[in-house]
mmCIF file of all heavy atoms, coordinates in Angstrom:
data_MODEL
# 
_entry.id   MODEL 
# 
loop_
_atom_site.group_PDB 
_atom_site.id 
_atom_site.type_symbol 
_atom_site.label_atom_id 
_atom_site.label_alt_id 
_atom_site.label_comp_id 
_atom_site.label_asym_id 
_atom_site.label_entity_id 
_atom_site.label_seq_id 
_atom_site.pdbx_PDB_ins_code 
_atom_site.Cartn_x 
_atom_site.Cartn_y 
_atom_site.Cartn_z 
_atom_site.occupancy 
_atom_site.B_iso_or_equiv 
_atom_site.pdbx_formal_charge 
_atom_site.auth_seq_id 
_atom_site.auth_comp_id 
_atom_site.auth_asym_id 
_atom_site.auth_atom_id 
_atom_site.pdbx_PDB_model_num 
ATOM 1   N N   . SER A 1 1  ? 0.832  -1.163 -0.026  1.00 0.00 ? 1  SER A N   1 
ATOM 2   C CA  . SER A 1 1  ? 0.018  0.020  -0.039  1.00 0.00 ? 1  SER A CA  1 
ATOM 3   C C   . SER A 1 1  ? 0.873  1.199  0.036   1.00 0.00 ? 1  SER A C   1 
ATOM 4   O O   . SER A 1 1  ? 0.501  2.230  -0.646  1.00 0.00 ? 1  SER A O   1 
ATOM 5   C CB  . SER A 1 1  ? -0.902 -0.012 1.220   1.00 0.00 ? 1  SER A CB  1 
ATOM 6   O OG  . SER A 1 1  ? -1.711 -1.096 1.167   1.00 0.00 ? 1  SER A OG  1 
ATOM 7   N N   . MET A 1 2  ? 1.969  1.227  0.733   1.00 0.00 ? 2  MET A N   1 
ATOM 8   C CA  . MET A 1 2  ? 2.873  2.394  0.806   1.00 0.00 ? 2  MET A CA  1 
ATOM 9   C C   . MET A 1 2  ? 3.426  2.678  -0.646  1.00 0.00 ? 2  MET A C   1 
ATOM 10  O O   . MET A 1 2  ? 3.535  3.810  -1.121  1.00 0.00 ? 2  MET A O   1 
ATOM 11  C CB  . MET A 1 2  ? 3.980  2.197  1.763   1.00 0.00 ? 2  MET A CB  1 
ATOM 12  C CG  . MET A 1 2  ? 3.724  2.386  3.216   1.00 0.00 ? 2  MET A CG  1 
ATOM 13  S SD  . MET A 1 2  ? 5.143  2.262  4.301   1.00 0.00 ? 2  MET A SD  1 
ATOM 14  C CE  . MET A 1 2  ? 6.076  3.744  3.772   1.00 0.00 ? 2  MET A CE  1 
ATOM 15  N N   . ILE A 1 3  ? 3.739  1.564  -1.402  1.00 0.00 ? 3  ILE A N   1 
ATOM 16  C CA  . ILE A 1 3  ? 4.424  1.708  -2.631  1.00 0.00 ? 3  ILE A CA  1 
ATOM 17  C C   . ILE A 1 3  ? 3.370  2.302  -3.582  1.00 0.00 ? 3  ILE A C   1 
ATOM 18  O O   . ILE A 1 3  ? 3.658  3.204  -4.354  1.00 0.00 ? 3  ILE A O   1 
ATOM 19  C CB  . ILE A 1 3  ? 4.916  0.358  -3.157  1.00 0.00 ? 3  ILE A CB  1 
ATOM 20  C CG1 . ILE A 1 3  ? 6.104  -0.128 -2.306  1.00 0.00 ? 3  ILE A CG1 1 
ATOM 21  C CG2 . ILE A 1 3  ? 5.350  0.386  -4.611  1.00 0.00 ? 3  ILE A CG2 1 
ATOM 22  C CD1 . ILE A 1 3  ? 6.507  -1.512 -2.630  1.00 0.00 ? 3  ILE A CD1 1 
ATOM 23  N N   . VAL A 1 4  ? 2.172  1.779  -3.619  1.00 0.00 ? 4  VAL A N   1 
ATOM 24  C CA  . VAL A 1 4  ? 1.061  2.324  -4.496  1.00 0.00 ? 4  VAL A CA  1 
ATOM 25  C C   . VAL A 1 4  ? 0.884  3.750  -4.185  1.00 0.00 ? 4  VAL A C   1 
ATOM 26  O O   . VAL A 1 4  ? 0.704  4.658  -5.124  1.00 0.00 ? 4  VAL A O   1 
ATOM 27  C CB  . VAL A 1 4  ? -0.131 1.471  -4.346  1.00 0.00 ? 4  VAL A CB  1 
ATOM 28  C CG1 . VAL A 1 4  ? -1.382 2.119  -5.148  1.00 0.00 ? 4  VAL A CG1 1 
ATOM 29  C CG2 . VAL A 1 4  ? 0.024  -0.001 -4.815  1.00 0.00 ? 4  VAL A CG2 1 
ATOM 30  N N   . ALA A 1 5  ? 0.773  4.097  -2.910  1.00 0.00 ? 5  ALA A N   1 
ATOM 31  C CA  . ALA A 1 5  ? 0.583  5.513  -2.488  1.00 0.00 ? 5  ALA A CA  1 
ATOM 32  C C   . ALA A 1 5  ? 1.681  6.386  -3.050  1.00 0.00 ? 5  ALA A C   1 
ATOM 33  O O   . ALA A 1 5  ? 1.381  7.497  -3.538  1.00 0.00 ? 5  ALA A O   1 
ATOM 34  C CB  . ALA A 1 5  ? 0.445  5.600  -0.958  1.00 0.00 ? 5  ALA A CB  1 
ATOM 35  N N   . ALA A 1 6  ? 2.917  5.889  -3.031  1.00 0.00 ? 6  ALA A N   1 
ATOM 36  C CA  . ALA A 1 6  ? 4.101  6.710  -3.483  1.00 0.00 ? 6  ALA A CA  1 
ATOM 37  C C   . ALA A 1 6  ? 3.983  6.923  -4.902  1.00 0.00 ? 6  ALA A C   1 
ATOM 38  O O   . ALA A 1 6  ? 4.297  7.989  -5.458  1.00 0.00 ? 6  ALA A O   1 
ATOM 39  C CB  . ALA A 1 6  ? 5.345  6.014  -3.078  1.00 0.00 ? 6  ALA A CB  1 
ATOM 40  N N   . VAL A 1 7  ? 3.469  5.856  -5.721  1.00 0.00 ? 7  VAL A N   1 
ATOM 41  C CA  . VAL A 1 7  ? 3.258  5.960  -7.178  1.00 0.00 ? 7  VAL A CA  1 
ATOM 42  C C   . VAL A 1 7  ? 2.301  6.999  -7.503  1.00 0.00 ? 7  VAL A C   1 
ATOM 43  O O   . VAL A 1 7  ? 2.458  7.873  -8.378  1.00 0.00 ? 7  VAL A O   1 
ATOM 44  C CB  . VAL A 1 7  ? 2.968  4.634  -7.735  1.00 0.00 ? 7  VAL A CB  1 
ATOM 45  C CG1 . VAL A 1 7  ? 2.517  4.738  -9.240  1.00 0.00 ? 7  VAL A CG1 1 
ATOM 46  C CG2 . VAL A 1 7  ? 4.104  3.592  -7.621  1.00 0.00 ? 7  VAL A CG2 1 
ATOM 47  N N   . ILE A 1 8  ? 1.127  6.986  -6.729  1.00 0.00 ? 8  ILE A N   1 
ATOM 48  C CA  . ILE A 1 8  ? 0.060  7.880  -7.029  1.00 0.00 ? 8  ILE A CA  1 
ATOM 49  C C   . ILE A 1 8  ? 0.556  9.338  -6.754  1.00 0.00 ? 8  ILE A C   1 
ATOM 50  O O   . ILE A 1 8  ? 0.302  10.300 -7.534  1.00 0.00 ? 8  ILE A O   1 
ATOM 51  C CB  . ILE A 1 8  ? -1.116 7.620  -6.063  1.00 0.00 ? 8  ILE A CB  1 
ATOM 52  C CG1 . ILE A 1 8  ? -1.802 6.277  -6.551  1.00 0.00 ? 8  ILE A CG1 1 
ATOM 53  C CG2 . ILE A 1 8  ? -2.112 8.726  -6.202  1.00 0.00 ? 8  ILE A CG2 1 
ATOM 54  C CD1 . ILE A 1 8  ? -2.905 5.893  -5.608  1.00 0.00 ? 8  ILE A CD1 1 
ATOM 55  N N   . ARG A 1 9  ? 1.309  9.527  -5.574  1.00 0.00 ? 9  ARG A N   1 
ATOM 56  C CA  . ARG A 1 9  ? 1.816  10.782 -5.372  1.00 0.00 ? 9  ARG A CA  1 
ATOM 57  C C   . ARG A 1 9  ? 2.781  11.347 -6.355  1.00 0.00 ? 9  ARG A C   1 
ATOM 58  O O   . ARG A 1 9  ? 2.649  12.513 -6.809  1.00 0.00 ? 9  ARG A O   1 
ATOM 59  C CB  . ARG A 1 9  ? 2.604  10.742 -4.032  1.00 0.00 ? 9  ARG A CB  1 
ATOM 60  C CG  . ARG A 1 9  ? 3.387  12.077 -3.624  1.00 0.00 ? 9  ARG A CG  1 
ATOM 61  C CD  . ARG A 1 9  ? 2.510  13.254 -3.508  1.00 0.00 ? 9  ARG A CD  1 
ATOM 62  N NE  . ARG A 1 9  ? 3.289  14.437 -3.420  1.00 0.00 ? 9  ARG A NE  1 
ATOM 63  C CZ  . ARG A 1 9  ? 3.728  15.002 -2.254  1.00 0.00 ? 9  ARG A CZ  1 
ATOM 64  N NH1 . ARG A 1 9  ? 3.516  14.366 -1.077  1.00 0.00 ? 9  ARG A NH1 1 
ATOM 65  N NH2 . ARG A 1 9  ? 4.443  16.104 -2.262  1.00 0.00 ? 9  ARG A NH2 1 
ATOM 66  N N   . ASN A 1 10 ? 3.623  10.595 -6.907  1.00 0.00 ? 10 ASN A N   1 
ATOM 67  C CA  . ASN A 1 10 ? 4.588  11.014 -7.897  1.00 0.00 ? 10 ASN A CA  1 
ATOM 68  C C   . ASN A 1 10 ? 3.950  11.236 -9.274  1.00 0.00 ? 10 ASN A C   1 
ATOM 69  O O   . ASN A 1 10 ? 4.458  12.102 -10.027 1.00 0.00 ? 10 ASN A O   1 
ATOM 70  C CB  . ASN A 1 10 ? 5.813  10.028 -8.019  1.00 0.00 ? 10 ASN A CB  1 
ATOM 71  C CG  . ASN A 1 10 ? 6.790  10.122 -6.839  1.00 0.00 ? 10 ASN A CG  1 
ATOM 72  O OD1 . ASN A 1 10 ? 7.624  11.104 -6.915  1.00 0.00 ? 10 ASN A OD1 1 
ATOM 73  N ND2 . ASN A 1 10 ? 6.579  9.372  -5.823  1.00 0.00 ? 10 ASN A ND2 1 
ATOM 74  N N   . ILE A 1 11 ? 2.981  10.488 -9.613  1.00 0.00 ? 11 ILE A N   1 
ATOM 75  C CA  . ILE A 1 11 ? 2.122  10.797 -10.830 1.00 0.00 ? 11 ILE A CA  1 
ATOM 76  C C   . ILE A 1 11 ? 1.423  12.119 -10.591 1.00 0.00 ? 11 ILE A C   1 
ATOM 77  O O   . ILE A 1 11 ? 1.495  12.947 -11.532 1.00 0.00 ? 11 ILE A O   1 
ATOM 78  C CB  . ILE A 1 11 ? 1.195  9.672  -11.071 1.00 0.00 ? 11 ILE A CB  1 
ATOM 79  C CG1 . ILE A 1 11 ? 1.871  8.397  -11.418 1.00 0.00 ? 11 ILE A CG1 1 
ATOM 80  C CG2 . ILE A 1 11 ? 0.149  10.144 -12.187 1.00 0.00 ? 11 ILE A CG2 1 
ATOM 81  C CD1 . ILE A 1 11 ? 0.915  7.180  -11.616 1.00 0.00 ? 11 ILE A CD1 1 
ATOM 82  N N   . SER A 1 12 ? 0.940  12.354 -9.438  1.00 0.00 ? 12 SER A N   1 
ATOM 83  C CA  . SER A 1 12 ? 0.254  13.581 -9.140  1.00 0.00 ? 12 SER A CA  1 
ATOM 84  C C   . SER A 1 12 ? 1.218  14.819 -9.264  1.00 0.00 ? 12 SER A C   1 
ATOM 85  O O   . SER A 1 12 ? 0.781  15.861 -9.687  1.00 0.00 ? 12 SER A O   1 
ATOM 86  C CB  . SER A 1 12 ? -0.341 13.540 -7.783  1.00 0.00 ? 12 SER A CB  1 
ATOM 87  O OG  . SER A 1 12 ? -0.904 14.755 -7.435  1.00 0.00 ? 12 SER A OG  1 
ATOM 88  N N   . ASP A 1 13 ? 2.462  14.586 -8.888  1.00 0.00 ? 13 ASP A N   1 
ATOM 89  C CA  . ASP A 1 13 ? 3.379  15.748 -8.935  1.00 0.00 ? 13 ASP A CA  1 
ATOM 90  C C   . ASP A 1 13 ? 3.619  16.174 -10.351 1.00 0.00 ? 13 ASP A C   1 
ATOM 91  O O   . ASP A 1 13 ? 4.062  17.335 -10.571 1.00 0.00 ? 13 ASP A O   1 
ATOM 92  C CB  . ASP A 1 13 ? 4.754  15.269 -8.306  1.00 0.00 ? 13 ASP A CB  1 
ATOM 93  C CG  . ASP A 1 13 ? 4.608  15.102 -6.782  1.00 0.00 ? 13 ASP A CG  1 
ATOM 94  O OD1 . ASP A 1 13 ? 3.706  15.657 -6.226  1.00 0.00 ? 13 ASP A OD1 1 
ATOM 95  O OD2 . ASP A 1 13 ? 5.519  14.486 -6.211  1.00 0.00 ? 13 ASP A OD2 1 
ATOM 96  N N   . HIS A 1 14 ? 3.397  15.284 -11.329 1.00 0.00 ? 14 HIS A N   1 
ATOM 97  C CA  . HIS A 1 14 ? 3.761  15.700 -12.727 1.00 0.00 ? 14 HIS A CA  1 
ATOM 98  C C   . HIS A 1 14 ? 2.538  15.613 -13.597 1.00 0.00 ? 14 HIS A C   1 
ATOM 99  O O   . HIS A 1 14 ? 2.755  15.688 -14.783 1.00 0.00 ? 14 HIS A O   1 
ATOM 100 C CB  . HIS A 1 14 ? 4.802  14.760 -13.256 1.00 0.00 ? 14 HIS A CB  1 
ATOM 101 C CG  . HIS A 1 14 ? 6.124  14.800 -12.453 1.00 0.00 ? 14 HIS A CG  1 
ATOM 102 N ND1 . HIS A 1 14 ? 6.412  13.993 -11.418 1.00 0.00 ? 14 HIS A ND1 1 
ATOM 103 C CD2 . HIS A 1 14 ? 7.196  15.703 -12.555 1.00 0.00 ? 14 HIS A CD2 1 
ATOM 104 C CE1 . HIS A 1 14 ? 7.588  14.284 -10.900 1.00 0.00 ? 14 HIS A CE1 1 
ATOM 105 N NE2 . HIS A 1 14 ? 8.113  15.285 -11.575 1.00 0.00 ? 14 HIS A NE2 1 
ATOM 106 N N   . ALA A 1 15 ? 1.332  15.465 -13.150 1.00 0.00 ? 15 ALA A N   1 
ATOM 107 C CA  . ALA A 1 15 ? 0.150  15.465 -13.940 1.00 0.00 ? 15 ALA A CA  1 
ATOM 108 C C   . ALA A 1 15 ? -0.896 16.276 -13.408 1.00 0.00 ? 15 ALA A C   1 
ATOM 109 O O   . ALA A 1 15 ? -1.096 16.225 -12.197 1.00 0.00 ? 15 ALA A O   1 
ATOM 110 C CB  . ALA A 1 15 ? -0.312 13.933 -13.955 1.00 0.00 ? 15 ALA A CB  1 
ATOM 111 N N   . GLU A 1 16 ? -1.610 16.923 -14.237 1.00 0.00 ? 16 GLU A N   1 
ATOM 112 C CA  . GLU A 1 16 ? -2.708 17.765 -13.808 1.00 0.00 ? 16 GLU A CA  1 
ATOM 113 C C   . GLU A 1 16 ? -3.985 16.911 -13.726 1.00 0.00 ? 16 GLU A C   1 
ATOM 114 O O   . GLU A 1 16 ? -4.100 15.883 -14.379 1.00 0.00 ? 16 GLU A O   1 
ATOM 115 C CB  . GLU A 1 16 ? -2.946 18.847 -14.824 1.00 0.00 ? 16 GLU A CB  1 
ATOM 116 C CG  . GLU A 1 16 ? -1.867 19.891 -14.892 1.00 0.00 ? 16 GLU A CG  1 
ATOM 117 C CD  . GLU A 1 16 ? -2.180 21.018 -15.846 1.00 0.00 ? 16 GLU A CD  1 
ATOM 118 O OE1 . GLU A 1 16 ? -3.299 21.056 -16.342 1.00 0.00 ? 16 GLU A OE1 1 
ATOM 119 O OE2 . GLU A 1 16 ? -1.232 21.951 -15.999 1.00 0.00 ? 16 GLU A OE2 1 
ATOM 120 N N   . GLY A 1 17 ? -4.895 17.300 -12.823 1.00 0.00 ? 17 GLY A N   1 
ATOM 121 C CA  . GLY A 1 17 ? -6.177 16.492 -12.758 1.00 0.00 ? 17 GLY A CA  1 
ATOM 122 C C   . GLY A 1 17 ? -6.117 15.390 -11.823 1.00 0.00 ? 17 GLY A C   1 
ATOM 123 O O   . GLY A 1 17 ? -7.157 14.674 -11.671 1.00 0.00 ? 17 GLY A O   1 
ATOM 124 N N   . LEU A 1 18 ? -4.996 15.234 -11.054 1.00 0.00 ? 18 LEU A N   1 
ATOM 125 C CA  . LEU A 1 18 ? -4.947 14.152 -9.984  1.00 0.00 ? 18 LEU A CA  1 
ATOM 126 C C   . LEU A 1 18 ? -4.428 14.801 -8.745  1.00 0.00 ? 18 LEU A C   1 
ATOM 127 O O   . LEU A 1 18 ? -3.249 14.499 -8.414  1.00 0.00 ? 18 LEU A O   1 
ATOM 128 C CB  . LEU A 1 18 ? -4.130 13.013 -10.447 1.00 0.00 ? 18 LEU A CB  1 
ATOM 129 C CG  . LEU A 1 18 ? -4.011 11.803 -9.535  1.00 0.00 ? 18 LEU A CG  1 
ATOM 130 C CD1 . LEU A 1 18 ? -5.351 11.196 -9.231  1.00 0.00 ? 18 LEU A CD1 1 
ATOM 131 C CD2 . LEU A 1 18 ? -3.088 10.698 -10.054 1.00 0.00 ? 18 LEU A CD2 1 
ATOM 132 N N   . PRO A 1 19 ? -5.107 15.649 -8.085  1.00 0.00 ? 19 PRO A N   1 
ATOM 133 C CA  . PRO A 1 19 ? -4.632 16.268 -6.890  1.00 0.00 ? 19 PRO A CA  1 
ATOM 134 C C   . PRO A 1 19 ? -4.573 15.322 -5.695  1.00 0.00 ? 19 PRO A C   1 
ATOM 135 O O   . PRO A 1 19 ? -5.294 14.373 -5.574  1.00 0.00 ? 19 PRO A O   1 
ATOM 136 C CB  . PRO A 1 19 ? -5.745 17.340 -6.547  1.00 0.00 ? 19 PRO A CB  1 
ATOM 137 C CG  . PRO A 1 19 ? -6.960 16.769 -7.169  1.00 0.00 ? 19 PRO A CG  1 
ATOM 138 C CD  . PRO A 1 19 ? -6.519 16.029 -8.399  1.00 0.00 ? 19 PRO A CD  1 
ATOM 139 N N   . VAL A 1 20 ? -3.521 15.470 -4.896  1.00 0.00 ? 20 VAL A N   1 
ATOM 140 C CA  . VAL A 1 20 ? -3.265 14.750 -3.640  1.00 0.00 ? 20 VAL A CA  1 
ATOM 141 C C   . VAL A 1 20 ? -3.411 15.744 -2.436  1.00 0.00 ? 20 VAL A C   1 
ATOM 142 O O   . VAL A 1 20 ? -2.425 16.444 -2.228  1.00 0.00 ? 20 VAL A O   1 
ATOM 143 C CB  . VAL A 1 20 ? -1.941 13.975 -3.644  1.00 0.00 ? 20 VAL A CB  1 
ATOM 144 C CG1 . VAL A 1 20 ? -1.760 13.258 -2.328  1.00 0.00 ? 20 VAL A CG1 1 
ATOM 145 C CG2 . VAL A 1 20 ? -1.958 12.928 -4.778  1.00 0.00 ? 20 VAL A CG2 1 
ATOM 146 N N   . PRO A 1 21 ? -4.511 15.839 -1.771  1.00 0.00 ? 21 PRO A N   1 
ATOM 147 C CA  . PRO A 1 21 ? -4.597 16.768 -0.642  1.00 0.00 ? 21 PRO A CA  1 
ATOM 148 C C   . PRO A 1 21 ? -3.910 16.288 0.618   1.00 0.00 ? 21 PRO A C   1 
ATOM 149 O O   . PRO A 1 21 ? -4.429 15.559 1.421   1.00 0.00 ? 21 PRO A O   1 
ATOM 150 C CB  . PRO A 1 21 ? -6.104 16.811 -0.414  1.00 0.00 ? 21 PRO A CB  1 
ATOM 151 C CG  . PRO A 1 21 ? -6.629 15.487 -0.886  1.00 0.00 ? 21 PRO A CG  1 
ATOM 152 C CD  . PRO A 1 21 ? -5.667 15.056 -2.005  1.00 0.00 ? 21 PRO A CD  1 
ATOM 153 N N   . MET A 1 22 ? -2.621 16.694 0.710   1.00 0.00 ? 22 MET A N   1 
ATOM 154 C CA  . MET A 1 22 ? -1.811 16.137 1.641   1.00 0.00 ? 22 MET A CA  1 
ATOM 155 C C   . MET A 1 22 ? -2.202 16.402 3.133   1.00 0.00 ? 22 MET A C   1 
ATOM 156 O O   . MET A 1 22 ? -2.018 15.708 4.075   1.00 0.00 ? 22 MET A O   1 
ATOM 157 C CB  . MET A 1 22 ? -0.302 16.570 1.450   1.00 0.00 ? 22 MET A CB  1 
ATOM 158 C CG  . MET A 1 22 ? 0.383  15.878 0.371   1.00 0.00 ? 22 MET A CG  1 
ATOM 159 S SD  . MET A 1 22 ? 0.345  14.074 0.484   1.00 0.00 ? 22 MET A SD  1 
ATOM 160 C CE  . MET A 1 22 ? 1.198  13.748 2.025   1.00 0.00 ? 22 MET A CE  1 
ATOM 161 N N   . GLN A 1 23 ? -2.785 17.574 3.311   1.00 0.00 ? 23 GLN A N   1 
ATOM 162 C CA  . GLN A 1 23 ? -3.249 17.973 4.701   1.00 0.00 ? 23 GLN A CA  1 
ATOM 163 C C   . GLN A 1 23 ? -4.350 17.008 5.219   1.00 0.00 ? 23 GLN A C   1 
ATOM 164 O O   . GLN A 1 23 ? -4.245 16.519 6.280   1.00 0.00 ? 23 GLN A O   1 
ATOM 165 C CB  . GLN A 1 23 ? -3.788 19.406 4.755   1.00 0.00 ? 23 GLN A CB  1 
ATOM 166 C CG  . GLN A 1 23 ? -4.114 19.793 6.137   1.00 0.00 ? 23 GLN A CG  1 
ATOM 167 C CD  . GLN A 1 23 ? -4.577 21.270 6.236   1.00 0.00 ? 23 GLN A CD  1 
ATOM 168 O OE1 . GLN A 1 23 ? -4.875 21.892 5.224   1.00 0.00 ? 23 GLN A OE1 1 
ATOM 169 N NE2 . GLN A 1 23 ? -4.637 21.804 7.382   1.00 0.00 ? 23 GLN A NE2 1 
ATOM 170 N N   . GLU A 1 24 ? -5.248 16.704 4.337   1.00 0.00 ? 24 GLU A N   1 
ATOM 171 C CA  . GLU A 1 24 ? -6.316 15.824 4.654   1.00 0.00 ? 24 GLU A CA  1 
ATOM 172 C C   . GLU A 1 24 ? -5.811 14.337 4.773   1.00 0.00 ? 24 GLU A C   1 
ATOM 173 O O   . GLU A 1 24 ? -6.276 13.627 5.704   1.00 0.00 ? 24 GLU A O   1 
ATOM 174 C CB  . GLU A 1 24 ? -7.482 15.825 3.570   1.00 0.00 ? 24 GLU A CB  1 
ATOM 175 C CG  . GLU A 1 24 ? -8.308 16.996 3.745   1.00 0.00 ? 24 GLU A CG  1 
ATOM 176 C CD  . GLU A 1 24 ? -7.743 18.318 3.069   1.00 0.00 ? 24 GLU A CD  1 
ATOM 177 O OE1 . GLU A 1 24 ? -6.568 18.167 2.504   1.00 0.00 ? 24 GLU A OE1 1 
ATOM 178 O OE2 . GLU A 1 24 ? -8.278 19.331 2.991   1.00 0.00 ? 24 GLU A OE2 1 
# 
């Protein structure tokens, strides 16, 4: 799960339309 989360985060860092609300 940590690995998948990290993948989602890094995709979000370089792609529009996939926000990752880190505070929440």
